Amino acid sequence: MPIIFSAITPHSPILVPSIGKENLSRLKATESAMEKLEEDLRAGDPDTILVISPHGLIQQDAFTINLNPEFEANFKEFGDFTTKLRFNGDVGLAYKIRESLETKAPLQLISEPNLDYGSSIPLSLLTKKLPDVKIIPLHYCGLDLQAHFKFGQLLKREFMVSKNKVAVIASGDLSHKLSKDAPAGYSPKGKKFDKKIVDYLTKRKTAELLEIDRQLIAEAGECGLKSIVILLGILDGMNYEPKMLSYEAPFGVGYLVMNFKI
């Protein structure tokens, strides 16, 4: 089974101790859940991690794979000027995906050595003991949820014929409008959106999730849904058990950590 691990993670900079400092204590449940994920990922000993991020280059009508032999990550934009991380890119598998999918899905390759924080934060927390793992950063696009689900299904076919043991991380936060002091302002629809997403995921109601009301999505101010939908496409037809490790929103943003046990 080439896909050995799959999970949804938040990408709050506060989870990085050098950035979060005293605020990290308000994300104890998330921090603990990420530590559990790290153990599971290390036990699976993946060759490659596909990390799906809502940040970086988001194109209107094409998915983007970042193909580079080496990647660097830093957290300067959050005031940490010392942390520097390096990752190896899986150039071979990324090329195979491009070759196979270029006539089946809108896909563009870029070569950008600097990782966006939607990729680098979960990777920094989950790969500390996996120094040799290779990564493929993927960005979703402006197409609808069905297109993202289908793209996930196409990716799955490539992973299933690959010799690599692949892990998939869907990076993304849920509603950014859960409280009066939330970064995007408050909307009562934020909590409704998060509740629906968690409910659909835990009950494996993928069809319902793909039909979720567009107005509700817009008013929730989320950034994780399309990452999640690509992951669900990859898992389509597989035997998996969704396990919610944590959900909390102390800063008005919904942080979900969920492990899909395959």
C-alpha atoms as a PDB file:
ATOM      1  CA  MET A   1       0.000   0.000   0.000  1.00  0.00           C
ATOM      2  CA  PRO A   2       1.956   3.040  -1.202  1.00  0.00           C
ATOM      3  CA  ILE A   3      -0.175   5.583   0.732  1.00  0.00           C
ATOM      4  CA  ILE A   4       0.817   4.960   4.326  1.00  0.00           C
ATOM      5  CA  PHE A   5      -0.329   8.131   6.118  1.00  0.00           C
ATOM      6  CA  SER A   6      -2.863  10.917   5.613  1.00  0.00           C
ATOM      7  CA  ALA A   7      -3.892  13.784   7.848  1.00  0.00           C
ATOM      8  CA  ILE A   8      -5.368  17.260   8.097  1.00  0.00           C
ATOM      9  CA  THR A   9      -3.241  19.798   9.960  1.00  0.00           C
ATOM     10  CA  PRO A  10      -3.484  23.492  10.774  1.00  0.00           C
ATOM     11  CA  HIS A  11      -0.609  25.820   9.963  1.00  0.00           C
ATOM     12  CA  SER A  12      -0.757  28.403  12.719  1.00  0.00           C
ATOM     13  CA  PRO A  13       2.674  30.026  13.234  1.00  0.00           C
ATOM     14  CA  ILE A  14       1.894  29.960  16.975  1.00  0.00           C
ATOM     15  CA  LEU A  15       2.565  26.191  16.902  1.00  0.00           C
ATOM     16  CA  VAL A  16       6.254  26.926  16.256  1.00  0.00           C
ATOM     17  CA  PRO A  17       7.707  27.426  19.771  1.00  0.00           C
ATOM     18  CA  SER A  18      10.108  30.200  18.723  1.00  0.00           C
ATOM     19  CA  ILE A  19       7.130  32.167  17.375  1.00  0.00           C
ATOM     20  CA  GLY A  20       4.269  31.153  19.644  1.00  0.00           C
ATOM     21  CA  LYS A  21       6.178  31.493  22.934  1.00  0.00           C
ATOM     22  CA  GLU A  22       3.658  32.092  25.750  1.00  0.00           C
ATOM     23  CA  ASN A  23       0.696  31.901  23.330  1.00  0.00           C
ATOM     24  CA  LEU A  24       1.553  28.268  22.585  1.00  0.00           C
ATOM     25  CA  SER A  25       0.008  27.319  25.933  1.00  0.00           C
ATOM     26  CA  ARG A  26      -3.393  28.254  24.472  1.00  0.00           C
ATOM     27  CA  LEU A  27      -2.976  25.624  21.749  1.00  0.00           C
ATOM     28  CA  LYS A  28      -2.166  22.678  24.030  1.00  0.00           C
ATOM     29  CA  ALA A  29      -4.710  20.328  22.416  1.00  0.00           C
ATOM     30  CA  THR A  30      -3.401  21.082  18.925  1.00  0.00           C
ATOM     31  CA  GLU A  31       0.220  20.790  20.029  1.00  0.00           C
ATOM     32  CA  SER A  32      -0.455  17.412  21.630  1.00  0.00           C
ATOM     33  CA  ALA A  33      -2.365  16.207  18.539  1.00  0.00           C
ATOM     34  CA  MET A  34       0.525  17.210  16.259  1.00  0.00           C
ATOM     35  CA  GLU A  35       2.930  15.244  18.472  1.00  0.00           C
ATOM     36  CA  LYS A  36       0.716  12.152  18.030  1.00  0.00           C
ATOM     37  CA  LEU A  37       0.692  12.709  14.266  1.00  0.00           C
ATOM     38  CA  GLU A  38       4.467  13.013  14.254  1.00  0.00           C
ATOM     39  CA  GLU A  39       4.775   9.600  15.940  1.00  0.00           C
ATOM     40  CA  ASP A  40       2.397   8.018  13.418  1.00  0.00           C
ATOM     41  CA  LEU A  41       4.192   9.565  10.457  1.00  0.00           C
ATOM     42  CA  ARG A  42       7.590   8.450  11.734  1.00  0.00           C
ATOM     43  CA  ALA A  43       6.280   4.904  12.285  1.00  0.00           C
ATOM     44  CA  GLY A  44       5.125   4.797   8.646  1.00  0.00           C
ATOM     45  CA  ASP A  45       8.633   5.791   7.498  1.00  0.00           C
ATOM     46  CA  PRO A  46       7.494   7.532   4.288  1.00  0.00           C
ATOM     47  CA  ASP A  47       9.741   8.100   1.286  1.00  0.00           C
ATOM     48  CA  THR A  48       7.728  11.097   0.106  1.00  0.00           C
ATOM     49  CA  ILE A  49       5.330  13.609   1.633  1.00  0.00           C
ATOM     50  CA  LEU A  50       2.767  15.372  -0.525  1.00  0.00           C
ATOM     51  CA  VAL A  51       1.906  18.590   1.326  1.00  0.00           C
ATOM     52  CA  ILE A  52      -1.171  20.459   0.050  1.00  0.00           C
ATOM     53  CA  SER A  53      -1.075  24.147   0.953  1.00  0.00           C
ATOM     54  CA  PRO A  54      -3.526  27.039   0.596  1.00  0.00           C
ATOM     55  CA  HIS A  55      -0.693  29.574   0.470  1.00  0.00           C
ATOM     56  CA  GLY A  56       2.003  30.305  -2.073  1.00  0.00           C
ATOM     57  CA  LEU A  57       1.031  30.425  -5.755  1.00  0.00           C
ATOM     58  CA  ILE A  58      -2.741  29.920  -6.108  1.00  0.00           C
ATOM     59  CA  GLN A  59      -3.846  30.015  -9.748  1.00  0.00           C
ATOM     60  CA  GLN A  60      -7.408  30.448 -10.901  1.00  0.00           C
ATOM     61  CA  ASP A  61      -7.638  27.493 -13.252  1.00  0.00           C
ATOM     62  CA  ALA A  62      -4.645  25.202 -12.644  1.00  0.00           C
ATOM     63  CA  PHE A  63      -3.259  23.168  -9.767  1.00  0.00           C
ATOM     64  CA  THR A  64       0.405  23.881  -9.056  1.00  0.00           C
ATOM     65  CA  ILE A  65       3.142  21.401  -8.178  1.00  0.00           C
ATOM     66  CA  ASN A  66       6.377  22.902  -6.921  1.00  0.00           C
ATOM     67  CA  LEU A  67       9.204  20.821  -8.354  1.00  0.00           C
ATOM     68  CA  ASN A  68      12.642  21.599  -7.004  1.00  0.00           C
ATOM     69  CA  PRO A  69      15.565  19.389  -5.914  1.00  0.00           C
ATOM     70  CA  GLU A  70      15.855  21.291  -2.623  1.00  0.00           C
ATOM     71  CA  PHE A  71      13.578  23.520  -0.597  1.00  0.00           C
ATOM     72  CA  GLU A  72      14.260  26.019   2.142  1.00  0.00           C
ATOM     73  CA  ALA A  73      11.899  27.310   4.807  1.00  0.00           C
ATOM     74  CA  ASN A  74      12.228  30.129   7.275  1.00  0.00           C
ATOM     75  CA  PHE A  75       9.892  32.037   9.551  1.00  0.00           C
ATOM     76  CA  LYS A  76      11.260  35.563   9.112  1.00  0.00           C
ATOM     77  CA  GLU A  77       7.796  36.930   8.336  1.00  0.00           C
ATOM     78  CA  PHE A  78       6.761  35.915  11.868  1.00  0.00           C
ATOM     79  CA  GLY A  79       9.791  37.446  13.594  1.00  0.00           C
ATOM     80  CA  ASP A  80      11.943  34.300  13.832  1.00  0.00           C
ATOM     81  CA  PHE A  81      15.177  35.177  12.023  1.00  0.00           C
ATOM     82  CA  THR A  82      17.189  32.134  13.125  1.00  0.00           C
ATOM     83  CA  THR A  83      15.194  29.045  12.092  1.00  0.00           C
ATOM     84  CA  LYS A  84      16.157  27.661   8.694  1.00  0.00           C
ATOM     85  CA  LEU A  85      14.914  24.318   7.425  1.00  0.00           C
ATOM     86  CA  ARG A  86      15.906  22.325   4.366  1.00  0.00           C
ATOM     87  CA  PHE A  87      13.961  19.616   2.562  1.00  0.00           C
ATOM     88  CA  ASN A  88      14.729  17.464  -0.478  1.00  0.00           C
ATOM     89  CA  GLY A  89      12.219  17.512  -3.312  1.00  0.00           C
ATOM     90  CA  ASP A  90      10.980  14.323  -4.937  1.00  0.00           C
ATOM     91  CA  VAL A  91      11.743  15.389  -8.500  1.00  0.00           C
ATOM     92  CA  GLY A  92      11.217  11.911  -9.976  1.00  0.00           C
ATOM     93  CA  LEU A  93       7.697  11.349  -8.636  1.00  0.00           C
ATOM     94  CA  ALA A  94       6.658  14.953  -9.346  1.00  0.00           C
ATOM     95  CA  TYR A  95       7.692  14.528 -13.000  1.00  0.00           C
ATOM     96  CA  LYS A  96       5.779  11.256 -13.271  1.00  0.00           C
ATOM     97  CA  ILE A  97       2.662  12.943 -11.897  1.00  0.00           C
ATOM     98  CA  ARG A  98       3.019  15.766 -14.411  1.00  0.00           C
ATOM     99  CA  GLU A  99       3.532  13.412 -17.343  1.00  0.00           C
ATOM    100  CA  SER A 100       0.563  11.267 -16.428  1.00  0.00           C
ATOM    101  CA  LEU A 101      -1.845  14.064 -15.509  1.00  0.00           C
ATOM    102  CA  GLU A 102      -1.041  16.766 -18.064  1.00  0.00           C
ATOM    103  CA  THR A 103      -3.783  15.563 -20.441  1.00  0.00           C
ATOM    104  CA  LYS A 104      -6.251  14.723 -17.671  1.00  0.00           C
ATOM    105  CA  ALA A 105      -6.173  17.758 -15.350  1.00  0.00           C
ATOM    106  CA  PRO A 106      -5.092  21.418 -15.397  1.00  0.00           C
ATOM    107  CA  LEU A 107      -1.660  21.222 -13.801  1.00  0.00           C
ATOM    108  CA  GLN A 108       1.341  23.514 -13.885  1.00  0.00           C
ATOM    109  CA  LEU A 109       4.849  22.914 -12.605  1.00  0.00           C
ATOM    110  CA  ILE A 110       6.812  25.696 -10.955  1.00  0.00           C
ATOM    111  CA  SER A 111      10.292  25.697  -9.449  1.00  0.00           C
ATOM    112  CA  GLU A 112      10.371  27.789  -6.291  1.00  0.00           C
ATOM    113  CA  PRO A 113      13.011  26.907  -3.653  1.00  0.00           C
ATOM    114  CA  ASN A 114      11.322  28.828  -0.821  1.00  0.00           C
ATOM    115  CA  LEU A 115       8.420  27.070   0.867  1.00  0.00           C
ATOM    116  CA  ASP A 116       5.284  28.963   1.871  1.00  0.00           C
ATOM    117  CA  TYR A 117       4.293  28.781   5.522  1.00  0.00           C
ATOM    118  CA  GLY A 118       1.243  26.609   4.793  1.00  0.00           C
ATOM    119  CA  SER A 119       3.733  23.901   3.793  1.00  0.00           C
ATOM    120  CA  SER A 120       6.642  24.690   6.084  1.00  0.00           C
ATOM    121  CA  ILE A 121       4.838  24.878   9.435  1.00  0.00           C
ATOM    122  CA  PRO A 122       3.324  21.354   9.391  1.00  0.00           C
ATOM    123  CA  LEU A 123       6.517  19.949   7.864  1.00  0.00           C
ATOM    124  CA  SER A 124       8.655  21.580  10.564  1.00  0.00           C
ATOM    125  CA  LEU A 125       6.525  19.967  13.281  1.00  0.00           C
ATOM    126  CA  LEU A 126       6.078  16.512  11.732  1.00  0.00           C
ATOM    127  CA  THR A 127       9.417  15.669  10.093  1.00  0.00           C
ATOM    128  CA  LYS A 128      11.964  16.410  12.855  1.00  0.00           C
ATOM    129  CA  LYS A 129      12.957  12.744  12.958  1.00  0.00           C
ATOM    130  CA  LEU A 130      12.651  12.115   9.202  1.00  0.00           C
ATOM    131  CA  PRO A 131      15.745  13.888   7.830  1.00  0.00           C
ATOM    132  CA  ASP A 132      15.796  11.995   4.532  1.00  0.00           C
ATOM    133  CA  VAL A 133      12.128  12.268   3.566  1.00  0.00           C
ATOM    134  CA  LYS A 134      11.411  13.981   0.235  1.00  0.00           C
ATOM    135  CA  ILE A 135       8.548  16.387  -0.339  1.00  0.00           C
ATOM    136  CA  ILE A 136       6.206  17.480  -3.126  1.00  0.00           C
ATOM    137  CA  PRO A 137       4.467  20.810  -2.377  1.00  0.00           C
ATOM    138  CA  LEU A 138       1.074  21.177  -4.082  1.00  0.00           C
ATOM    139  CA  HIS A 139      -1.205  24.228  -4.249  1.00  0.00           C
ATOM    140  CA  TYR A 140      -4.907  24.091  -4.927  1.00  0.00           C
ATOM    141  CA  CYS A 141      -6.655  26.500  -7.310  1.00  0.00           C
ATOM    142  CA  GLY A 142      -9.779  28.509  -8.052  1.00  0.00           C
ATOM    143  CA  LEU A 143     -11.735  25.611  -9.582  1.00  0.00           C
ATOM    144  CA  ASP A 144     -14.723  24.089  -7.749  1.00  0.00           C
ATOM    145  CA  LEU A 145     -14.731  21.342  -5.115  1.00  0.00           C
ATOM    146  CA  GLN A 146     -15.619  18.592  -7.616  1.00  0.00           C
ATOM    147  CA  ALA A 147     -12.519  19.444  -9.675  1.00  0.00           C
ATOM    148  CA  HIS A 148     -10.385  19.196  -6.532  1.00  0.00           C
ATOM    149  CA  PHE A 149     -11.885  15.825  -5.610  1.00  0.00           C
ATOM    150  CA  LYS A 150     -11.257  14.485  -9.131  1.00  0.00           C
ATOM    151  CA  PHE A 151      -7.696  15.777  -9.014  1.00  0.00           C
ATOM    152  CA  GLY A 152      -7.188  13.857  -5.761  1.00  0.00           C
ATOM    153  CA  GLN A 153      -8.503  10.691  -7.419  1.00  0.00           C
ATOM    154  CA  LEU A 154      -5.987  11.124 -10.265  1.00  0.00           C
ATOM    155  CA  LEU A 155      -3.143  11.645  -7.788  1.00  0.00           C
ATOM    156  CA  LYS A 156      -4.140   8.491  -5.956  1.00  0.00           C
ATOM    157  CA  ARG A 157      -3.690   6.406  -9.122  1.00  0.00           C
ATOM    158  CA  GLU A 158      -0.144   7.722  -9.470  1.00  0.00           C
ATOM    159  CA  PHE A 159       0.685   6.955  -5.851  1.00  0.00           C
ATOM    160  CA  MET A 160      -0.727   3.443  -6.105  1.00  0.00           C
ATOM    161  CA  VAL A 161       1.627   2.527  -8.953  1.00  0.00           C
ATOM    162  CA  SER A 162       4.617   4.249  -7.366  1.00  0.00           C
ATOM    163  CA  LYS A 163       7.239   2.296  -5.444  1.00  0.00           C
ATOM    164  CA  ASN A 164       7.418   5.131  -2.908  1.00  0.00           C
ATOM    165  CA  LYS A 165       5.672   5.036   0.437  1.00  0.00           C
ATOM    166  CA  VAL A 166       3.677   8.255   0.318  1.00  0.00           C
ATOM    167  CA  ALA A 167       2.268  10.398   3.137  1.00  0.00           C
ATOM    168  CA  VAL A 168      -0.319  13.100   2.434  1.00  0.00           C
ATOM    169  CA  ILE A 169      -0.704  16.221   4.569  1.00  0.00           C
ATOM    170  CA  ALA A 170      -3.661  18.510   3.880  1.00  0.00           C
ATOM    171  CA  SER A 171      -2.616  21.818   5.431  1.00  0.00           C
ATOM    172  CA  GLY A 172      -5.370  24.312   6.158  1.00  0.00           C
ATOM    173  CA  ASP A 173      -7.336  26.155   8.816  1.00  0.00           C
ATOM    174  CA  LEU A 174     -11.108  26.161   9.078  1.00  0.00           C
ATOM    175  CA  SER A 175     -13.146  29.325   9.690  1.00  0.00           C
ATOM    176  CA  HIS A 176     -11.198  32.514  10.441  1.00  0.00           C
ATOM    177  CA  LYS A 177     -14.353  34.217  11.804  1.00  0.00           C
ATOM    178  CA  LEU A 178     -15.189  32.374  15.014  1.00  0.00           C
ATOM    179  CA  SER A 179     -14.976  35.221  17.530  1.00  0.00           C
ATOM    180  CA  LYS A 180     -15.190  38.998  17.815  1.00  0.00           C
ATOM    181  CA  ASP A 181     -11.395  39.283  17.919  1.00  0.00           C
ATOM    182  CA  ALA A 182     -10.808  36.862  15.013  1.00  0.00           C
ATOM    183  CA  PRO A 183      -8.382  38.098  12.342  1.00  0.00           C
ATOM    184  CA  ALA A 184     -11.068  38.206   9.639  1.00  0.00           C
ATOM    185  CA  GLY A 185     -13.829  39.601  11.863  1.00  0.00           C
ATOM    186  CA  TYR A 186     -16.800  37.658  13.226  1.00  0.00           C
ATOM    187  CA  SER A 187     -19.499  35.731  11.410  1.00  0.00           C
ATOM    188  CA  PRO A 188     -22.037  33.423  13.094  1.00  0.00           C
ATOM    189  CA  LYS A 189     -21.681  31.202  10.002  1.00  0.00           C
ATOM    190  CA  GLY A 190     -18.096  30.375  11.019  1.00  0.00           C
ATOM    191  CA  LYS A 191     -19.095  27.929  13.765  1.00  0.00           C
ATOM    192  CA  LYS A 192     -21.802  26.408  11.580  1.00  0.00           C
ATOM    193  CA  PHE A 193     -19.241  25.776   8.819  1.00  0.00           C
ATOM    194  CA  ASP A 194     -16.673  24.195  11.157  1.00  0.00           C
ATOM    195  CA  LYS A 195     -19.301  21.967  12.780  1.00  0.00           C
ATOM    196  CA  LYS A 196     -20.484  20.722   9.374  1.00  0.00           C
ATOM    197  CA  ILE A 197     -16.948  20.012   8.136  1.00  0.00           C
ATOM    198  CA  VAL A 198     -15.988  18.069  11.268  1.00  0.00           C
ATOM    199  CA  ASP A 199     -19.285  16.150  11.170  1.00  0.00           C
ATOM    200  CA  TYR A 200     -18.976  15.234   7.482  1.00  0.00           C
ATOM    201  CA  LEU A 201     -15.355  14.154   7.893  1.00  0.00           C
ATOM    202  CA  THR A 202     -15.879  12.009  10.985  1.00  0.00           C
ATOM    203  CA  LYS A 203     -18.952  10.310   9.438  1.00  0.00           C
ATOM    204  CA  ARG A 204     -17.263   9.920   6.032  1.00  0.00           C
ATOM    205  CA  LYS A 205     -20.017  11.935   4.332  1.00  0.00           C
ATOM    206  CA  THR A 206     -17.867  12.992   1.394  1.00  0.00           C
ATOM    207  CA  ALA A 207     -20.781  13.551  -1.021  1.00  0.00           C
ATOM    208  CA  GLU A 208     -22.414  15.973   1.441  1.00  0.00           C
ATOM    209  CA  LEU A 209     -19.130  17.781   2.012  1.00  0.00           C
ATOM    210  CA  LEU A 210     -18.692  18.300  -1.739  1.00  0.00           C
ATOM    211  CA  GLU A 211     -22.158  19.866  -1.903  1.00  0.00           C
ATOM    212  CA  ILE A 212     -21.660  22.271   1.002  1.00  0.00           C
ATOM    213  CA  ASP A 213     -23.297  25.657   0.418  1.00  0.00           C
ATOM    214  CA  ARG A 214     -20.980  28.088  -1.381  1.00  0.00           C
ATOM    215  CA  GLN A 215     -22.351  31.054   0.531  1.00  0.00           C
ATOM    216  CA  LEU A 216     -21.545  29.308   3.814  1.00  0.00           C
ATOM    217  CA  ILE A 217     -17.980  28.637   2.608  1.00  0.00           C
ATOM    218  CA  ALA A 218     -17.534  32.280   1.623  1.00  0.00           C
ATOM    219  CA  GLU A 219     -18.895  33.645   4.899  1.00  0.00           C
ATOM    220  CA  ALA A 220     -16.787  31.261   7.004  1.00  0.00           C
ATOM    221  CA  GLY A 221     -13.543  32.745   5.665  1.00  0.00           C
ATOM    222  CA  GLU A 222     -11.721  29.402   5.565  1.00  0.00           C
ATOM    223  CA  CYS A 223      -8.496  28.328   3.845  1.00  0.00           C
ATOM    224  CA  GLY A 224      -8.471  24.551   4.348  1.00  0.00           C
ATOM    225  CA  LEU A 225     -11.478  23.115   2.529  1.00  0.00           C
ATOM    226  CA  LYS A 226      -9.875  22.532  -0.871  1.00  0.00           C
ATOM    227  CA  SER A 227      -6.781  20.957   0.693  1.00  0.00           C
ATOM    228  CA  ILE A 228      -9.145  18.594   2.526  1.00  0.00           C
ATOM    229  CA  VAL A 229     -11.129  17.792  -0.636  1.00  0.00           C
ATOM    230  CA  ILE A 230      -7.968  16.831  -2.570  1.00  0.00           C
ATOM    231  CA  LEU A 231      -7.075  14.523   0.337  1.00  0.00           C
ATOM    232  CA  LEU A 232     -10.563  12.974   0.241  1.00  0.00           C
ATOM    233  CA  GLY A 233     -10.122  12.340  -3.487  1.00  0.00           C
ATOM    234  CA  ILE A 234      -6.845  10.556  -2.771  1.00  0.00           C
ATOM    235  CA  LEU A 235      -8.562   8.437  -0.121  1.00  0.00           C
ATOM    236  CA  ASP A 236     -11.611   7.683  -2.278  1.00  0.00           C
ATOM    237  CA  GLY A 237     -12.290   3.958  -2.412  1.00  0.00           C
ATOM    238  CA  MET A 238      -9.747   3.185   0.295  1.00  0.00           C
ATOM    239  CA  ASN A 239     -10.511   1.691   3.670  1.00  0.00           C
ATOM    240  CA  TYR A 240      -9.766   4.428   6.197  1.00  0.00           C
ATOM    241  CA  GLU A 241     -10.906   5.504   9.629  1.00  0.00           C
ATOM    242  CA  PRO A 242     -11.135   9.238  10.356  1.00  0.00           C
ATOM    243  CA  LYS A 243      -9.902  10.044  13.858  1.00  0.00           C
ATOM    244  CA  MET A 244     -10.239  13.592  15.151  1.00  0.00           C
ATOM    245  CA  LEU A 245      -7.269  14.296  17.413  1.00  0.00           C
ATOM    246  CA  SER A 246      -8.171  17.887  18.256  1.00  0.00           C
ATOM    247  CA  TYR A 247     -10.250  20.903  17.352  1.00  0.00           C
ATOM    248  CA  GLU A 248      -9.932  24.261  19.057  1.00  0.00           C
ATOM    249  CA  ALA A 249     -10.221  27.954  18.225  1.00  0.00           C
ATOM    250  CA  PRO A 250      -8.721  30.121  20.998  1.00  0.00           C
ATOM    251  CA  PHE A 251      -7.785  32.895  18.554  1.00  0.00           C
ATOM    252  CA  GLY A 252     -10.994  32.870  16.499  1.00  0.00           C
ATOM    253  CA  VAL A 253      -9.584  30.487  13.849  1.00  0.00           C
ATOM    254  CA  GLY A 254     -10.634  26.834  13.711  1.00  0.00           C
ATOM    255  CA  TYR A 255      -7.650  24.487  14.056  1.00  0.00           C
ATOM    256  CA  LEU A 256      -8.453  20.869  13.175  1.00  0.00           C
ATOM    257  CA  VAL A 257      -6.051  17.932  13.473  1.00  0.00           C
ATOM    258  CA  MET A 258      -7.429  14.724  12.004  1.00  0.00           C
ATOM    259  CA  ASN A 259      -5.678  11.461  11.248  1.00  0.00           C
ATOM    260  CA  PHE A 260      -7.117   9.195   8.547  1.00  0.00           C
ATOM    261  CA  LYS A 261      -5.951   5.747   9.621  1.00  0.00           C
ATOM    262  CA  ILE A 262      -5.512   3.654   6.486  1.00  0.00           C
END
